[in-house]
N, C-alpha and C. Protein backbone atom coordinates (compact mmCIF):
# COMPACT_ATOMS: atom_id res chain seq x y z
N MET A 1 178.37 98.49 114.59
CA MET A 1 179.01 97.43 115.35
C MET A 1 177.95 96.55 115.98
N SER A 2 178.15 95.24 115.93
CA SER A 2 177.22 94.31 116.56
C SER A 2 178.00 93.15 117.15
N VAL A 3 177.43 92.57 118.22
CA VAL A 3 178.04 91.43 118.90
C VAL A 3 177.07 90.26 118.74
N HIS A 4 177.56 89.16 118.16
CA HIS A 4 176.68 88.07 117.75
C HIS A 4 176.80 86.86 118.68
N PRO A 5 175.66 86.25 119.01
CA PRO A 5 175.69 85.00 119.77
C PRO A 5 176.17 83.86 118.89
N PRO A 6 176.60 82.75 119.47
CA PRO A 6 176.59 82.50 120.92
C PRO A 6 177.87 82.94 121.62
N ALA A 7 178.99 83.09 120.89
CA ALA A 7 180.28 83.32 121.53
C ALA A 7 180.65 84.79 121.66
N GLY A 8 179.84 85.68 121.06
CA GLY A 8 180.15 87.10 121.16
C GLY A 8 181.07 87.62 120.07
N ARG A 9 180.99 87.02 118.90
CA ARG A 9 181.80 87.49 117.78
C ARG A 9 181.38 88.90 117.41
N VAL A 10 182.37 89.76 117.15
CA VAL A 10 182.11 91.17 116.85
C VAL A 10 182.14 91.40 115.35
N ARG A 11 181.15 92.13 114.86
CA ARG A 11 181.12 92.50 113.44
C ARG A 11 180.99 94.01 113.33
N ILE A 12 181.80 94.61 112.45
CA ILE A 12 181.76 96.06 112.23
C ILE A 12 181.50 96.33 110.76
N ALA A 13 180.51 97.15 110.48
CA ALA A 13 180.24 97.62 109.12
C ALA A 13 180.72 99.06 109.04
N ALA A 14 181.58 99.35 108.07
CA ALA A 14 182.18 100.68 107.98
C ALA A 14 182.25 101.13 106.52
N PRO A 15 182.23 102.43 106.27
CA PRO A 15 182.41 102.93 104.89
C PRO A 15 183.74 102.47 104.31
N ARG A 16 183.77 102.27 102.99
CA ARG A 16 184.96 101.74 102.33
C ARG A 16 186.17 102.68 102.46
N HIS A 17 185.90 103.97 102.61
CA HIS A 17 187.04 104.90 102.64
C HIS A 17 187.79 104.89 103.97
N LEU A 18 187.22 104.29 105.01
CA LEU A 18 187.90 104.25 106.30
C LEU A 18 189.06 103.26 106.27
N SER A 19 190.15 103.65 106.90
CA SER A 19 191.32 102.78 106.95
C SER A 19 191.15 101.72 108.03
N ASP A 20 191.97 100.66 107.95
CA ASP A 20 191.94 99.62 108.97
C ASP A 20 192.29 100.19 110.33
N ASP A 21 193.21 101.15 110.36
CA ASP A 21 193.60 101.77 111.64
C ASP A 21 192.44 102.53 112.25
N ALA A 22 191.67 103.22 111.43
CA ALA A 22 190.53 103.98 111.94
C ALA A 22 189.47 103.03 112.52
N ILE A 23 189.23 101.93 111.82
CA ILE A 23 188.25 100.95 112.30
C ILE A 23 188.75 100.30 113.59
N ARG A 24 190.04 99.99 113.63
CA ARG A 24 190.63 99.39 114.83
C ARG A 24 190.50 100.34 116.03
N SER A 25 190.77 101.62 115.81
CA SER A 25 190.65 102.62 116.89
C SER A 25 189.21 102.71 117.39
N PHE A 26 188.27 102.65 116.45
CA PHE A 26 186.87 102.69 116.83
C PHE A 26 186.52 101.49 117.72
N ALA A 27 187.00 100.31 117.31
CA ALA A 27 186.72 99.09 118.08
C ALA A 27 187.34 99.16 119.47
N ILE A 28 188.56 99.66 119.56
CA ILE A 28 189.22 99.77 120.86
C ILE A 28 188.44 100.70 121.78
N GLY A 29 187.90 101.76 121.20
CA GLY A 29 187.11 102.70 122.00
C GLY A 29 185.81 102.11 122.52
N LYS A 30 185.38 101.01 121.90
CA LYS A 30 184.13 100.36 122.30
C LYS A 30 184.36 99.08 123.10
N LEU A 31 185.59 98.85 123.56
CA LEU A 31 185.92 97.58 124.21
C LEU A 31 185.05 97.29 125.42
N ARG A 32 184.81 98.30 126.26
CA ARG A 32 183.99 98.06 127.45
C ARG A 32 182.58 97.63 127.07
N TRP A 33 182.01 98.28 126.07
CA TRP A 33 180.68 97.91 125.61
C TRP A 33 180.68 96.51 125.02
N ILE A 34 181.70 96.19 124.22
CA ILE A 34 181.80 94.85 123.62
C ILE A 34 181.85 93.79 124.70
N ARG A 35 182.67 94.00 125.71
CA ARG A 35 182.82 93.01 126.77
C ARG A 35 181.54 92.83 127.56
N ARG A 36 180.79 93.92 127.76
CA ARG A 36 179.50 93.80 128.46
C ARG A 36 178.53 92.94 127.65
N GLN A 37 178.49 93.17 126.33
CA GLN A 37 177.59 92.40 125.48
C GLN A 37 178.01 90.93 125.43
N GLN A 38 179.31 90.69 125.36
CA GLN A 38 179.79 89.31 125.32
C GLN A 38 179.48 88.58 126.63
N ALA A 39 179.64 89.28 127.74
CA ALA A 39 179.33 88.67 129.04
C ALA A 39 177.85 88.34 129.13
N ARG A 40 176.99 89.23 128.62
CA ARG A 40 175.55 88.98 128.66
C ARG A 40 175.19 87.75 127.83
N LEU A 41 175.82 87.62 126.66
CA LEU A 41 175.54 86.47 125.81
C LEU A 41 176.00 85.17 126.45
N GLN A 42 177.15 85.20 127.11
CA GLN A 42 177.68 84.00 127.74
C GLN A 42 176.81 83.56 128.91
N GLU A 43 176.20 84.54 129.59
CA GLU A 43 175.38 84.22 130.76
C GLU A 43 173.98 83.75 130.38
N GLN A 44 173.52 84.10 129.18
CA GLN A 44 172.14 83.75 128.81
C GLN A 44 172.01 82.26 128.57
N GLU A 45 171.00 81.70 129.19
CA GLU A 45 170.75 80.26 129.06
C GLU A 45 170.31 79.91 127.65
N ARG A 46 170.75 78.74 127.19
CA ARG A 46 170.36 78.27 125.86
C ARG A 46 169.57 76.98 125.98
N GLU A 47 168.55 76.89 125.17
CA GLU A 47 167.74 75.68 125.17
C GLU A 47 168.52 74.53 124.53
N THR A 48 168.18 73.32 124.94
CA THR A 48 168.75 72.16 124.26
C THR A 48 168.12 72.04 122.88
N PRO A 49 168.81 71.45 121.93
CA PRO A 49 168.25 71.30 120.58
C PRO A 49 166.93 70.53 120.63
N ARG A 50 165.95 70.98 119.88
CA ARG A 50 164.66 70.32 119.85
C ARG A 50 164.65 69.21 118.78
N GLU A 51 163.99 68.09 119.12
CA GLU A 51 163.88 66.95 118.20
C GLU A 51 162.47 66.78 117.67
N PHE A 52 161.52 67.55 118.22
CA PHE A 52 160.12 67.54 117.77
C PHE A 52 159.50 66.15 117.93
N LEU A 53 159.64 65.67 119.18
CA LEU A 53 159.11 64.37 119.57
C LEU A 53 158.00 64.54 120.60
N ASP A 54 157.23 63.49 120.79
CA ASP A 54 156.15 63.50 121.78
C ASP A 54 156.67 63.88 123.16
N ARG A 55 155.91 64.75 123.86
CA ARG A 55 156.16 65.18 125.24
C ARG A 55 157.42 66.04 125.37
N GLU A 56 157.88 66.58 124.29
CA GLU A 56 158.98 67.54 124.34
C GLU A 56 158.42 68.90 124.74
N SER A 57 159.19 69.66 125.50
CA SER A 57 158.73 70.97 125.97
C SER A 57 158.89 72.04 124.89
N HIS A 58 157.82 72.82 124.69
CA HIS A 58 157.86 73.97 123.79
C HIS A 58 157.11 75.11 124.48
N PHE A 59 157.39 76.33 124.05
CA PHE A 59 156.80 77.50 124.70
C PHE A 59 155.95 78.29 123.71
N VAL A 60 154.80 78.78 124.22
CA VAL A 60 153.92 79.63 123.44
C VAL A 60 153.52 80.80 124.33
N TRP A 61 153.89 82.01 123.93
CA TRP A 61 153.62 83.21 124.71
C TRP A 61 154.04 83.06 126.18
N GLY A 62 155.19 82.44 126.38
CA GLY A 62 155.76 82.31 127.71
C GLY A 62 155.29 81.11 128.50
N ARG A 63 154.33 80.35 127.98
CA ARG A 63 153.81 79.17 128.69
C ARG A 63 154.50 77.92 128.18
N ARG A 64 154.89 77.06 129.12
CA ARG A 64 155.50 75.78 128.75
C ARG A 64 154.41 74.77 128.46
N LEU A 65 154.49 74.20 127.25
CA LEU A 65 153.51 73.20 126.83
C LEU A 65 154.23 71.94 126.37
N LEU A 66 153.53 70.83 126.43
CA LEU A 66 154.08 69.57 125.94
C LEU A 66 153.66 69.36 124.50
N LEU A 67 154.62 68.99 123.67
CA LEU A 67 154.33 68.72 122.27
C LEU A 67 153.67 67.35 122.15
N ARG A 68 152.62 67.29 121.36
CA ARG A 68 151.95 66.03 121.11
C ARG A 68 151.94 65.80 119.60
N ILE A 69 152.49 64.68 119.17
CA ILE A 69 152.57 64.37 117.74
C ILE A 69 151.44 63.41 117.37
N VAL A 70 150.65 63.81 116.40
CA VAL A 70 149.57 62.96 115.88
C VAL A 70 149.86 62.70 114.40
N GLU A 71 150.13 61.44 114.07
CA GLU A 71 150.45 61.08 112.70
C GLU A 71 149.21 60.52 112.01
N ALA A 72 148.85 61.16 110.89
CA ALA A 72 147.68 60.71 110.12
C ALA A 72 147.71 61.40 108.77
N ASP A 73 147.14 60.74 107.78
CA ASP A 73 147.02 61.38 106.48
C ASP A 73 146.03 62.54 106.58
N GLY A 74 146.27 63.57 105.79
CA GLY A 74 145.39 64.72 105.83
C GLY A 74 146.17 66.01 105.94
N VAL A 75 145.45 67.07 106.29
CA VAL A 75 146.07 68.40 106.37
C VAL A 75 146.99 68.46 107.59
N GLN A 76 148.22 68.90 107.36
CA GLN A 76 149.16 69.09 108.46
C GLN A 76 148.86 70.44 109.13
N ARG A 77 148.81 70.42 110.46
CA ARG A 77 148.42 71.63 111.16
C ARG A 77 148.91 71.58 112.61
N VAL A 78 148.77 72.72 113.29
CA VAL A 78 149.13 72.83 114.70
C VAL A 78 147.89 73.25 115.47
N GLU A 79 147.65 72.60 116.60
CA GLU A 79 146.54 72.96 117.47
C GLU A 79 147.06 73.31 118.85
N LEU A 80 146.48 74.35 119.42
CA LEU A 80 146.89 74.82 120.74
C LEU A 80 145.79 74.53 121.76
N SER A 81 146.18 73.94 122.90
CA SER A 81 145.26 73.72 124.01
C SER A 81 145.94 74.20 125.29
N PRO A 82 145.23 74.24 126.40
CA PRO A 82 145.85 74.77 127.63
C PRO A 82 147.14 74.07 128.05
N ARG A 83 147.27 72.77 127.75
CA ARG A 83 148.45 72.03 128.21
C ARG A 83 149.33 71.48 127.10
N HIS A 84 148.81 71.49 125.86
CA HIS A 84 149.53 70.83 124.78
C HIS A 84 149.62 71.70 123.53
N LEU A 85 150.65 71.42 122.77
CA LEU A 85 150.81 71.95 121.42
C LEU A 85 150.80 70.71 120.53
N THR A 86 149.71 70.52 119.80
CA THR A 86 149.54 69.29 119.03
C THR A 86 149.92 69.52 117.58
N LEU A 87 150.82 68.67 117.11
CA LEU A 87 151.32 68.76 115.74
C LEU A 87 150.75 67.60 114.94
N HIS A 88 149.85 67.92 114.01
CA HIS A 88 149.26 66.90 113.14
C HIS A 88 150.11 66.79 111.88
N VAL A 89 150.74 65.65 111.71
CA VAL A 89 151.63 65.47 110.56
C VAL A 89 151.35 64.13 109.89
N ARG A 90 151.80 64.01 108.66
CA ARG A 90 151.66 62.74 107.95
C ARG A 90 152.66 61.73 108.50
N PRO A 91 152.37 60.45 108.40
CA PRO A 91 153.31 59.44 108.89
C PRO A 91 154.69 59.61 108.27
N ARG A 92 155.69 59.37 109.11
CA ARG A 92 157.10 59.42 108.71
C ARG A 92 157.56 60.82 108.31
N THR A 93 156.88 61.85 108.78
CA THR A 93 157.33 63.22 108.52
C THR A 93 158.61 63.47 109.31
N PRO A 94 159.71 63.87 108.66
CA PRO A 94 160.98 64.07 109.37
C PRO A 94 160.94 65.27 110.31
N ALA A 95 161.89 65.30 111.23
CA ALA A 95 161.96 66.38 112.22
C ALA A 95 162.09 67.75 111.55
N SER A 96 162.83 67.82 110.45
CA SER A 96 163.02 69.10 109.77
C SER A 96 161.69 69.68 109.28
N LYS A 97 160.81 68.81 108.77
CA LYS A 97 159.50 69.27 108.30
C LYS A 97 158.59 69.62 109.47
N ARG A 98 158.71 68.88 110.57
CA ARG A 98 157.93 69.22 111.77
C ARG A 98 158.35 70.60 112.27
N ALA A 99 159.65 70.85 112.27
CA ALA A 99 160.16 72.15 112.71
C ALA A 99 159.64 73.26 111.81
N GLN A 100 159.64 73.02 110.51
CA GLN A 100 159.17 74.01 109.56
C GLN A 100 157.70 74.33 109.78
N LEU A 101 156.90 73.30 110.00
CA LEU A 101 155.48 73.51 110.25
C LEU A 101 155.24 74.33 111.51
N LEU A 102 156.01 74.03 112.54
CA LEU A 102 155.86 74.77 113.80
C LEU A 102 156.35 76.21 113.65
N ASP A 103 157.43 76.41 112.92
CA ASP A 103 157.93 77.77 112.69
C ASP A 103 156.89 78.61 111.95
N GLU A 104 156.24 78.01 110.96
CA GLU A 104 155.20 78.73 110.22
C GLU A 104 154.03 79.09 111.13
N TRP A 105 153.72 78.19 112.07
CA TRP A 105 152.64 78.47 113.01
C TRP A 105 153.02 79.62 113.94
N TYR A 106 154.25 79.62 114.43
CA TYR A 106 154.71 80.73 115.27
C TYR A 106 154.65 82.05 114.51
N ARG A 107 155.05 82.03 113.24
CA ARG A 107 154.99 83.24 112.43
C ARG A 107 153.54 83.75 112.32
N ALA A 108 152.61 82.83 112.15
CA ALA A 108 151.21 83.21 112.07
C ALA A 108 150.72 83.84 113.38
N GLN A 109 151.21 83.32 114.51
CA GLN A 109 150.84 83.90 115.81
C GLN A 109 151.27 85.35 115.91
N ILE A 110 152.50 85.62 115.47
CA ILE A 110 153.01 87.00 115.51
C ILE A 110 152.21 87.88 114.56
N ARG A 111 151.95 87.38 113.35
CA ARG A 111 151.19 88.18 112.37
C ARG A 111 149.80 88.54 112.89
N ALA A 112 149.19 87.64 113.64
CA ALA A 112 147.87 87.92 114.19
C ALA A 112 147.93 88.91 115.34
N ALA A 113 149.00 88.85 116.13
CA ALA A 113 149.10 89.70 117.32
C ALA A 113 149.58 91.12 117.00
N LEU A 114 150.29 91.30 115.90
CA LEU A 114 150.90 92.60 115.62
C LEU A 114 149.93 93.73 115.25
N PRO A 115 148.96 93.51 114.36
CA PRO A 115 148.15 94.65 113.90
C PRO A 115 147.53 95.50 115.00
N PRO A 116 146.86 94.91 116.02
CA PRO A 116 146.30 95.78 117.05
C PRO A 116 147.37 96.51 117.87
N LEU A 117 148.51 95.85 118.09
CA LEU A 117 149.59 96.50 118.83
C LEU A 117 150.16 97.69 118.06
N ILE A 118 150.43 97.47 116.78
CA ILE A 118 151.01 98.54 115.97
C ILE A 118 150.01 99.68 115.78
N SER A 119 148.74 99.33 115.54
CA SER A 119 147.72 100.37 115.38
C SER A 119 147.62 101.24 116.62
N ARG A 120 147.60 100.59 117.78
CA ARG A 120 147.47 101.34 119.03
C ARG A 120 148.67 102.23 119.28
N TRP A 121 149.87 101.64 119.20
CA TRP A 121 151.06 102.39 119.57
C TRP A 121 151.47 103.41 118.52
N ALA A 122 151.22 103.14 117.26
CA ALA A 122 151.52 104.13 116.22
C ALA A 122 150.67 105.38 116.44
N SER A 123 149.41 105.17 116.83
CA SER A 123 148.52 106.31 117.10
C SER A 123 149.00 107.08 118.33
N VAL A 124 149.33 106.36 119.39
CA VAL A 124 149.78 107.01 120.63
C VAL A 124 151.07 107.79 120.41
N MET A 125 152.00 107.21 119.63
CA MET A 125 153.32 107.81 119.45
C MET A 125 153.39 108.76 118.26
N GLY A 126 152.32 108.82 117.47
CA GLY A 126 152.30 109.75 116.34
C GLY A 126 153.23 109.39 115.21
N VAL A 127 153.34 108.08 114.91
CA VAL A 127 154.21 107.64 113.82
C VAL A 127 153.38 106.84 112.82
N THR A 128 153.95 106.68 111.63
CA THR A 128 153.31 105.90 110.58
C THR A 128 154.20 104.72 110.22
N VAL A 129 153.64 103.54 110.18
CA VAL A 129 154.39 102.34 109.81
C VAL A 129 153.99 101.94 108.40
N GLY A 130 155.00 101.84 107.51
CA GLY A 130 154.71 101.46 106.14
C GLY A 130 154.42 99.98 106.01
N ARG A 131 155.39 99.14 106.33
CA ARG A 131 155.22 97.69 106.22
C ARG A 131 155.82 97.01 107.44
N VAL A 132 155.32 95.82 107.72
CA VAL A 132 155.83 95.02 108.84
C VAL A 132 156.22 93.65 108.29
N PHE A 133 157.44 93.22 108.62
CA PHE A 133 157.93 91.92 108.19
C PHE A 133 158.11 91.02 109.41
N VAL A 134 157.68 89.79 109.29
CA VAL A 134 157.84 88.82 110.38
C VAL A 134 158.72 87.70 109.85
N GLN A 135 159.83 87.44 110.53
CA GLN A 135 160.77 86.44 110.04
C GLN A 135 161.64 85.92 111.17
N ARG A 136 162.29 84.77 110.92
CA ARG A 136 163.27 84.25 111.86
C ARG A 136 164.51 85.13 111.79
N MET A 137 164.96 85.58 112.94
CA MET A 137 166.16 86.41 113.02
C MET A 137 167.08 85.80 114.07
N LYS A 138 168.33 85.59 113.73
CA LYS A 138 169.24 84.90 114.64
C LYS A 138 169.90 85.83 115.65
N THR A 139 170.02 87.12 115.33
CA THR A 139 170.81 87.99 116.19
C THR A 139 170.03 89.16 116.77
N LYS A 140 168.75 89.34 116.38
CA LYS A 140 167.98 90.48 116.86
C LYS A 140 166.55 90.05 117.13
N TRP A 141 165.92 90.74 118.07
CA TRP A 141 164.50 90.53 118.30
C TRP A 141 163.68 91.32 117.30
N GLY A 142 164.25 92.37 116.76
CA GLY A 142 163.54 93.18 115.77
C GLY A 142 164.47 94.23 115.22
N SER A 143 163.99 94.94 114.20
CA SER A 143 164.77 96.03 113.62
C SER A 143 163.83 97.03 112.98
N CYS A 144 164.37 98.20 112.64
CA CYS A 144 163.58 99.28 112.09
C CYS A 144 164.35 99.95 110.97
N ASN A 145 163.66 100.23 109.88
CA ASN A 145 164.22 101.05 108.79
C ASN A 145 163.47 102.37 108.80
N ARG A 146 164.11 103.38 109.35
CA ARG A 146 163.42 104.66 109.54
C ARG A 146 163.02 105.31 108.22
N ASN A 147 163.90 105.23 107.23
CA ASN A 147 163.61 105.87 105.94
C ASN A 147 162.43 105.22 105.23
N ALA A 148 162.36 103.90 105.30
CA ALA A 148 161.26 103.17 104.65
C ALA A 148 160.06 103.02 105.56
N THR A 149 160.17 103.44 106.81
CA THR A 149 159.12 103.29 107.85
C THR A 149 158.64 101.85 107.95
N THR A 150 159.61 100.92 107.95
CA THR A 150 159.28 99.50 108.09
C THR A 150 159.91 98.95 109.35
N ILE A 151 159.30 97.92 109.90
CA ILE A 151 159.90 97.24 111.04
C ILE A 151 159.90 95.74 110.76
N ARG A 152 160.85 95.04 111.37
CA ARG A 152 160.95 93.59 111.27
C ARG A 152 160.85 93.00 112.67
N VAL A 153 160.14 91.90 112.78
CA VAL A 153 159.89 91.28 114.08
C VAL A 153 160.29 89.81 114.00
N ASN A 154 161.00 89.36 115.02
CA ASN A 154 161.47 87.98 115.09
C ASN A 154 160.32 87.04 115.49
N THR A 155 160.13 85.97 114.73
CA THR A 155 159.07 85.02 115.05
C THR A 155 159.25 84.38 116.42
N GLU A 156 160.49 84.37 116.93
CA GLU A 156 160.76 83.76 118.23
C GLU A 156 160.00 84.44 119.37
N LEU A 157 159.55 85.67 119.15
CA LEU A 157 158.82 86.37 120.20
C LEU A 157 157.49 85.70 120.51
N ALA A 158 156.98 84.85 119.61
CA ALA A 158 155.75 84.11 119.90
C ALA A 158 155.97 83.08 120.99
N ARG A 159 157.22 82.82 121.32
CA ARG A 159 157.52 81.85 122.37
C ARG A 159 157.74 82.54 123.73
N LYS A 160 157.79 83.86 123.72
CA LYS A 160 158.06 84.65 124.93
C LYS A 160 156.77 85.26 125.47
N PRO A 161 156.78 85.74 126.71
CA PRO A 161 155.58 86.38 127.26
C PRO A 161 155.08 87.52 126.37
N THR A 162 153.79 87.74 126.33
CA THR A 162 153.20 88.71 125.40
C THR A 162 153.74 90.12 125.60
N GLU A 163 154.11 90.46 126.83
CA GLU A 163 154.62 91.82 127.06
C GLU A 163 155.93 92.07 126.34
N CYS A 164 156.65 90.98 126.01
CA CYS A 164 157.91 91.14 125.28
C CYS A 164 157.65 91.62 123.85
N LEU A 165 156.58 91.14 123.22
CA LEU A 165 156.24 91.60 121.88
C LEU A 165 155.83 93.06 121.92
N GLU A 166 155.05 93.44 122.92
CA GLU A 166 154.65 94.85 123.03
C GLU A 166 155.87 95.74 123.23
N TYR A 167 156.79 95.32 124.08
CA TYR A 167 158.03 96.08 124.28
C TYR A 167 158.78 96.25 122.97
N LEU A 168 158.89 95.18 122.19
CA LEU A 168 159.62 95.23 120.93
C LEU A 168 158.95 96.21 119.96
N VAL A 169 157.62 96.20 119.91
CA VAL A 169 156.89 97.12 119.03
C VAL A 169 157.16 98.56 119.42
N VAL A 170 157.04 98.87 120.70
CA VAL A 170 157.29 100.25 121.15
C VAL A 170 158.74 100.64 120.89
N HIS A 171 159.66 99.71 121.13
CA HIS A 171 161.09 99.96 120.89
C HIS A 171 161.33 100.35 119.44
N GLU A 172 160.80 99.56 118.50
CA GLU A 172 161.05 99.84 117.09
C GLU A 172 160.31 101.08 116.62
N LEU A 173 159.12 101.33 117.12
CA LEU A 173 158.40 102.56 116.76
C LEU A 173 159.13 103.79 117.30
N ALA A 174 159.74 103.66 118.46
CA ALA A 174 160.52 104.78 118.99
C ALA A 174 161.70 105.11 118.08
N HIS A 175 162.20 104.10 117.40
CA HIS A 175 163.31 104.34 116.46
C HIS A 175 162.84 105.11 115.22
N LEU A 176 161.56 105.13 114.95
CA LEU A 176 161.07 105.99 113.87
C LEU A 176 161.17 107.46 114.26
N LEU A 177 161.22 107.71 115.56
CA LEU A 177 161.37 109.07 116.06
C LEU A 177 162.82 109.41 116.38
N GLU A 178 163.57 108.41 116.82
CA GLU A 178 164.98 108.60 117.19
C GLU A 178 165.75 107.34 116.79
N PRO A 179 166.64 107.43 115.79
CA PRO A 179 167.30 106.23 115.26
C PRO A 179 168.34 105.60 116.19
N THR A 180 168.88 106.35 117.13
CA THR A 180 169.93 105.82 118.00
C THR A 180 169.38 105.53 119.39
N HIS A 181 170.22 104.92 120.22
CA HIS A 181 169.83 104.63 121.61
C HIS A 181 170.36 105.72 122.55
N ASN A 182 170.16 106.96 122.17
CA ASN A 182 170.67 108.06 122.96
C ASN A 182 169.68 108.44 124.07
N ALA A 183 169.96 109.56 124.73
CA ALA A 183 169.12 109.98 125.85
C ALA A 183 167.69 110.27 125.40
N ARG A 184 167.52 110.79 124.19
CA ARG A 184 166.17 111.07 123.69
C ARG A 184 165.39 109.77 123.50
N PHE A 185 166.06 108.75 122.99
CA PHE A 185 165.39 107.46 122.81
C PHE A 185 164.95 106.90 124.16
N VAL A 186 165.84 106.94 125.14
CA VAL A 186 165.50 106.45 126.49
C VAL A 186 164.31 107.23 127.05
N ALA A 187 164.32 108.55 126.84
CA ALA A 187 163.21 109.38 127.34
C ALA A 187 161.90 109.00 126.67
N LEU A 188 161.95 108.69 125.38
CA LEU A 188 160.73 108.26 124.67
C LEU A 188 160.21 106.95 125.24
N MET A 189 161.11 106.00 125.47
CA MET A 189 160.70 104.73 126.05
C MET A 189 160.13 104.92 127.45
N ASP A 190 160.75 105.77 128.24
CA ASP A 190 160.25 106.05 129.59
C ASP A 190 158.86 106.68 129.53
N GLN A 191 158.64 107.52 128.54
CA GLN A 191 157.36 108.20 128.41
C GLN A 191 156.24 107.24 128.02
N TYR A 192 156.50 106.41 127.04
CA TYR A 192 155.44 105.58 126.48
C TYR A 192 155.30 104.21 127.16
N LEU A 193 156.40 103.66 127.67
CA LEU A 193 156.34 102.34 128.29
C LEU A 193 157.24 102.35 129.53
N PRO A 194 156.76 102.94 130.62
CA PRO A 194 157.61 103.14 131.80
C PRO A 194 158.26 101.85 132.33
N ALA A 195 157.63 100.71 132.15
CA ALA A 195 158.19 99.45 132.68
C ALA A 195 159.12 98.75 131.68
N TRP A 196 159.57 99.45 130.65
CA TRP A 196 160.31 98.78 129.59
C TRP A 196 161.61 98.17 130.07
N HIS A 197 162.28 98.78 131.05
CA HIS A 197 163.53 98.21 131.56
C HIS A 197 163.30 96.80 132.11
N SER A 198 162.22 96.65 132.87
CA SER A 198 161.91 95.36 133.47
C SER A 198 161.60 94.31 132.41
N VAL A 199 160.82 94.71 131.40
CA VAL A 199 160.47 93.76 130.34
C VAL A 199 161.71 93.36 129.54
N ARG A 200 162.56 94.33 129.27
CA ARG A 200 163.80 94.02 128.54
C ARG A 200 164.66 93.05 129.32
N GLN A 201 164.75 93.23 130.63
CA GLN A 201 165.53 92.30 131.45
C GLN A 201 164.92 90.90 131.41
N THR A 202 163.59 90.83 131.46
CA THR A 202 162.92 89.53 131.35
C THR A 202 163.26 88.86 130.04
N LEU A 203 163.18 89.59 128.95
CA LEU A 203 163.47 89.05 127.63
C LEU A 203 164.91 88.57 127.54
N ASN A 204 165.83 89.34 128.09
CA ASN A 204 167.25 88.98 128.01
C ASN A 204 167.62 87.83 128.94
N ARG A 205 166.78 87.56 129.96
CA ARG A 205 167.07 86.46 130.88
C ARG A 205 166.53 85.13 130.37
N LEU A 206 165.51 85.18 129.55
CA LEU A 206 164.87 83.94 129.10
C LEU A 206 165.80 83.13 128.21
N PRO A 207 165.70 81.81 128.29
CA PRO A 207 166.54 80.97 127.41
C PRO A 207 166.25 81.27 125.95
N VAL A 208 167.30 81.28 125.15
CA VAL A 208 167.12 81.50 123.73
C VAL A 208 167.30 80.20 122.98
N ARG A 209 166.78 80.15 121.80
CA ARG A 209 166.77 78.94 121.01
C ARG A 209 168.18 78.49 120.66
N HIS A 210 168.38 77.19 120.72
CA HIS A 210 169.66 76.63 120.31
C HIS A 210 169.79 76.75 118.80
N GLU A 211 170.91 77.26 118.33
CA GLU A 211 171.15 77.40 116.91
C GLU A 211 172.58 76.98 116.56
N ASN A 212 172.75 76.48 115.35
CA ASN A 212 174.09 76.34 114.81
C ASN A 212 174.38 77.62 114.05
N TRP A 213 174.91 78.59 114.76
CA TRP A 213 175.05 79.94 114.22
C TRP A 213 176.01 79.97 113.03
N ASP A 214 175.59 80.69 111.99
CA ASP A 214 176.40 80.83 110.78
C ASP A 214 176.52 82.31 110.47
N TYR A 215 177.73 82.75 110.15
CA TYR A 215 177.95 84.18 109.88
C TYR A 215 178.26 84.37 108.41
C-alpha cells in the first residue's frame, strides 16, 4: 500500500488470488494510517513551478542560490558558486532543455556524494550493496531491493541538506537487514543514526518540487 502526492491517492498492490472484499478489508484496516499520510502530504509545502529564468531561486544541498543564465555557443554546463548556480546554454535553448541539463547536474552531484557514504555505512552496518541507481522519483526519496542488494536514490536529494542524503542511505541499508518498518528496523536506525527522527522531520517539512503528477 502506498499514498501518493499531491492529493494522497491510495494505491494497493495485491496478489491476483485475493478477492476485492479481502483487499477492501485490508484498506479499511489501514484507514488511520492512510489519513495520517494524506494529512502529511496536504500540509507539505510545494514549490512554485520553475521556469529556469535569470534570478530564479534554486537549491543545492539545502542552500538557496540564484540561477544565472549565460547564453553562448559552446559546451552547455552548470557551474556552482557560493551565491549562484550558473547555467551555460546555447542561445534560444528552451526551458525544457534547461531543466534537463540541471537535472543531469543534480544527478551527477548525487553520484559523486554516494560512494563514500555507502562505503562507510555498509562497513559499519555489515551489509553489501550490489548496485546503486540514481534517478528522478516522484513518490519516494529512495528504495531498496533486498534480494538484489540494490538501492535507488532520488536525484531531488541533491537539493536538500546533506544530512538528508546520509539519512536516506542509512535507511535503505537498514532495509537490507530488515525489510519492514517494524520495531527491529527502528532499533537499527536508533543504533546507527540516533538523530534520524529529526532528520526525517526536516526532510518531510521541506518544500517538495512542483510536479504534474501522473499515475
